[in-house]
Amino acid sequence: MPELTAGWRQIAGKGVADTKGHFLAGGPDFNIAGPKPAGGEAVVRAAIRGRSQYVDFALEGGGEFNAAYRAYDARVVARWPF
């Protein structure tokens, strides 16, 4: 059975705060800037699923796309009772 999902994921909020720290051995304090969210991204996923009396299987894949990056993923799923 084929399946298709498409949508938009909007980032909400201000992101995470900066991390402040220092080393116990000495040295100056430091800051690590937290990532700042920007906009949203398109999300697309597709799958083909099958089922019988003794096994379920699926081939799935998808991606997330925004101006800064693209991420892809895929997986094969098989399930059977024992």
C-alpha atoms as a PDB file:
ATOM      1  CA  MET A   1       0.000   0.000   0.000  1.00  0.00           C
ATOM      2  CA  PRO A   2       1.637   3.312  -1.026  1.00  0.00           C
ATOM      3  CA  GLU A   3       1.719   6.284   1.328  1.00  0.00           C
ATOM      4  CA  LEU A   4       2.756   9.906   0.742  1.00  0.00           C
ATOM      5  CA  THR A   5       3.081  12.666   3.331  1.00  0.00           C
ATOM      6  CA  ALA A   6       3.970  16.273   2.532  1.00  0.00           C
ATOM      7  CA  GLY A   7       3.881  19.273   4.816  1.00  0.00           C
ATOM      8  CA  TRP A   8       5.578  22.256   6.368  1.00  0.00           C
ATOM      9  CA  ARG A   9       7.331  22.358   9.748  1.00  0.00           C
ATOM     10  CA  GLN A  10       7.546  25.855  11.213  1.00  0.00           C
ATOM     11  CA  ILE A  11      10.146  26.612  13.853  1.00  0.00           C
ATOM     12  CA  ALA A  12       8.639  28.353  16.868  1.00  0.00           C
ATOM     13  CA  GLY A  13      10.415  29.954  19.778  1.00  0.00           C
ATOM     14  CA  LYS A  14      13.669  31.788  20.255  1.00  0.00           C
ATOM     15  CA  GLY A  15      15.981  28.766  20.286  1.00  0.00           C
ATOM     16  CA  VAL A  16      18.311  27.789  23.086  1.00  0.00           C
ATOM     17  CA  ALA A  17      20.316  30.146  25.268  1.00  0.00           C
ATOM     18  CA  ASP A  18      24.071  30.551  25.057  1.00  0.00           C
ATOM     19  CA  THR A  19      26.177  28.214  27.212  1.00  0.00           C
ATOM     20  CA  LYS A  20      28.555  29.913  29.632  1.00  0.00           C
ATOM     21  CA  GLY A  21      31.429  28.078  31.267  1.00  0.00           C
ATOM     22  CA  HIS A  22      34.984  27.971  32.512  1.00  0.00           C
ATOM     23  CA  PHE A  23      37.632  25.315  33.081  1.00  0.00           C
ATOM     24  CA  LEU A  24      38.464  24.326  36.659  1.00  0.00           C
ATOM     25  CA  ALA A  25      42.150  24.300  35.723  1.00  0.00           C
ATOM     26  CA  GLY A  26      41.971  28.018  34.972  1.00  0.00           C
ATOM     27  CA  GLY A  27      41.686  30.341  32.047  1.00  0.00           C
ATOM     28  CA  PRO A  28      39.083  32.879  31.017  1.00  0.00           C
ATOM     29  CA  ASP A  29      35.354  32.264  31.038  1.00  0.00           C
ATOM     30  CA  PHE A  30      33.846  31.422  27.639  1.00  0.00           C
ATOM     31  CA  ASN A  31      30.503  31.419  25.835  1.00  0.00           C
ATOM     32  CA  ILE A  32      29.194  28.955  23.256  1.00  0.00           C
ATOM     33  CA  ALA A  33      26.465  30.539  21.161  1.00  0.00           C
ATOM     34  CA  GLY A  34      23.265  28.504  20.898  1.00  0.00           C
ATOM     35  CA  PRO A  35      21.767  27.889  17.463  1.00  0.00           C
ATOM     36  CA  LYS A  36      19.184  30.438  16.397  1.00  0.00           C
ATOM     37  CA  PRO A  37      16.166  28.998  14.571  1.00  0.00           C
ATOM     38  CA  ALA A  38      15.168  30.533  11.282  1.00  0.00           C
ATOM     39  CA  GLY A  39      11.916  30.013   9.400  1.00  0.00           C
ATOM     40  CA  GLY A  40      10.605  26.594   8.594  1.00  0.00           C
ATOM     41  CA  GLU A  41      11.099  23.692   6.249  1.00  0.00           C
ATOM     42  CA  ALA A  42       9.237  21.467   3.824  1.00  0.00           C
ATOM     43  CA  VAL A  43       8.881  17.824   4.887  1.00  0.00           C
ATOM     44  CA  VAL A  44       8.214  15.061   2.349  1.00  0.00           C
ATOM     45  CA  ARG A  45       7.940  11.317   3.097  1.00  0.00           C
ATOM     46  CA  ALA A  46       6.964   8.329   0.962  1.00  0.00           C
ATOM     47  CA  ALA A  47       6.464   4.680   1.892  1.00  0.00           C
ATOM     48  CA  ILE A  48       5.367   1.389   0.434  1.00  0.00           C
ATOM     49  CA  ARG A  49       3.927  -1.001   3.007  1.00  0.00           C
ATOM     50  CA  GLY A  50       2.813  -4.590   2.760  1.00  0.00           C
ATOM     51  CA  ARG A  51       1.297  -7.081   5.155  1.00  0.00           C
ATOM     52  CA  SER A  52       0.552 -10.767   5.198  1.00  0.00           C
ATOM     53  CA  GLN A  53      -0.539 -13.158   7.895  1.00  0.00           C
ATOM     54  CA  TYR A  54       3.037 -13.691   9.104  1.00  0.00           C
ATOM     55  CA  VAL A  55       5.063 -10.632   8.134  1.00  0.00           C
ATOM     56  CA  ASP A  56       4.787  -6.837   7.818  1.00  0.00           C
ATOM     57  CA  PHE A  57       7.266  -4.901   5.688  1.00  0.00           C
ATOM     58  CA  ALA A  58       7.861  -1.316   4.600  1.00  0.00           C
ATOM     59  CA  LEU A  59      10.236   0.699   2.450  1.00  0.00           C
ATOM     60  CA  GLU A  60      10.281   4.298   3.690  1.00  0.00           C
ATOM     61  CA  GLY A  61      12.144   7.431   2.668  1.00  0.00           C
ATOM     62  CA  GLY A  62      11.900  11.166   3.002  1.00  0.00           C
ATOM     63  CA  GLY A  63      13.587  14.472   3.463  1.00  0.00           C
ATOM     64  CA  GLU A  64      13.517  17.876   5.088  1.00  0.00           C
ATOM     65  CA  PHE A  65      14.375  20.910   2.987  1.00  0.00           C
ATOM     66  CA  ASN A  66      15.073  24.504   3.995  1.00  0.00           C
ATOM     67  CA  ALA A  67      17.324  27.314   2.807  1.00  0.00           C
ATOM     68  CA  ALA A  68      20.264  26.273   5.026  1.00  0.00           C
ATOM     69  CA  TYR A  69      20.355  22.490   4.540  1.00  0.00           C
ATOM     70  CA  ARG A  70      18.741  19.359   3.173  1.00  0.00           C
ATOM     71  CA  ALA A  71      18.435  16.107   5.111  1.00  0.00           C
ATOM     72  CA  TYR A  72      17.440  12.747   3.638  1.00  0.00           C
ATOM     73  CA  ASP A  73      16.673   9.411   5.249  1.00  0.00           C
ATOM     74  CA  ALA A  74      15.543   5.935   4.235  1.00  0.00           C
ATOM     75  CA  ARG A  75      14.806   2.671   6.000  1.00  0.00           C
ATOM     76  CA  VAL A  76      13.622  -0.868   5.413  1.00  0.00           C
ATOM     77  CA  VAL A  77      11.347  -2.389   8.056  1.00  0.00           C
ATOM     78  CA  ALA A  78      10.407  -6.050   8.470  1.00  0.00           C
ATOM     79  CA  ARG A  79       8.352  -7.440  11.354  1.00  0.00           C
ATOM     80  CA  TRP A  80       7.264 -10.969  12.084  1.00  0.00           C
ATOM     81  CA  PRO A  81       5.892 -12.697  15.176  1.00  0.00           C
ATOM     82  CA  PHE A  82       7.800 -15.467  16.905  1.00  0.00           C
END
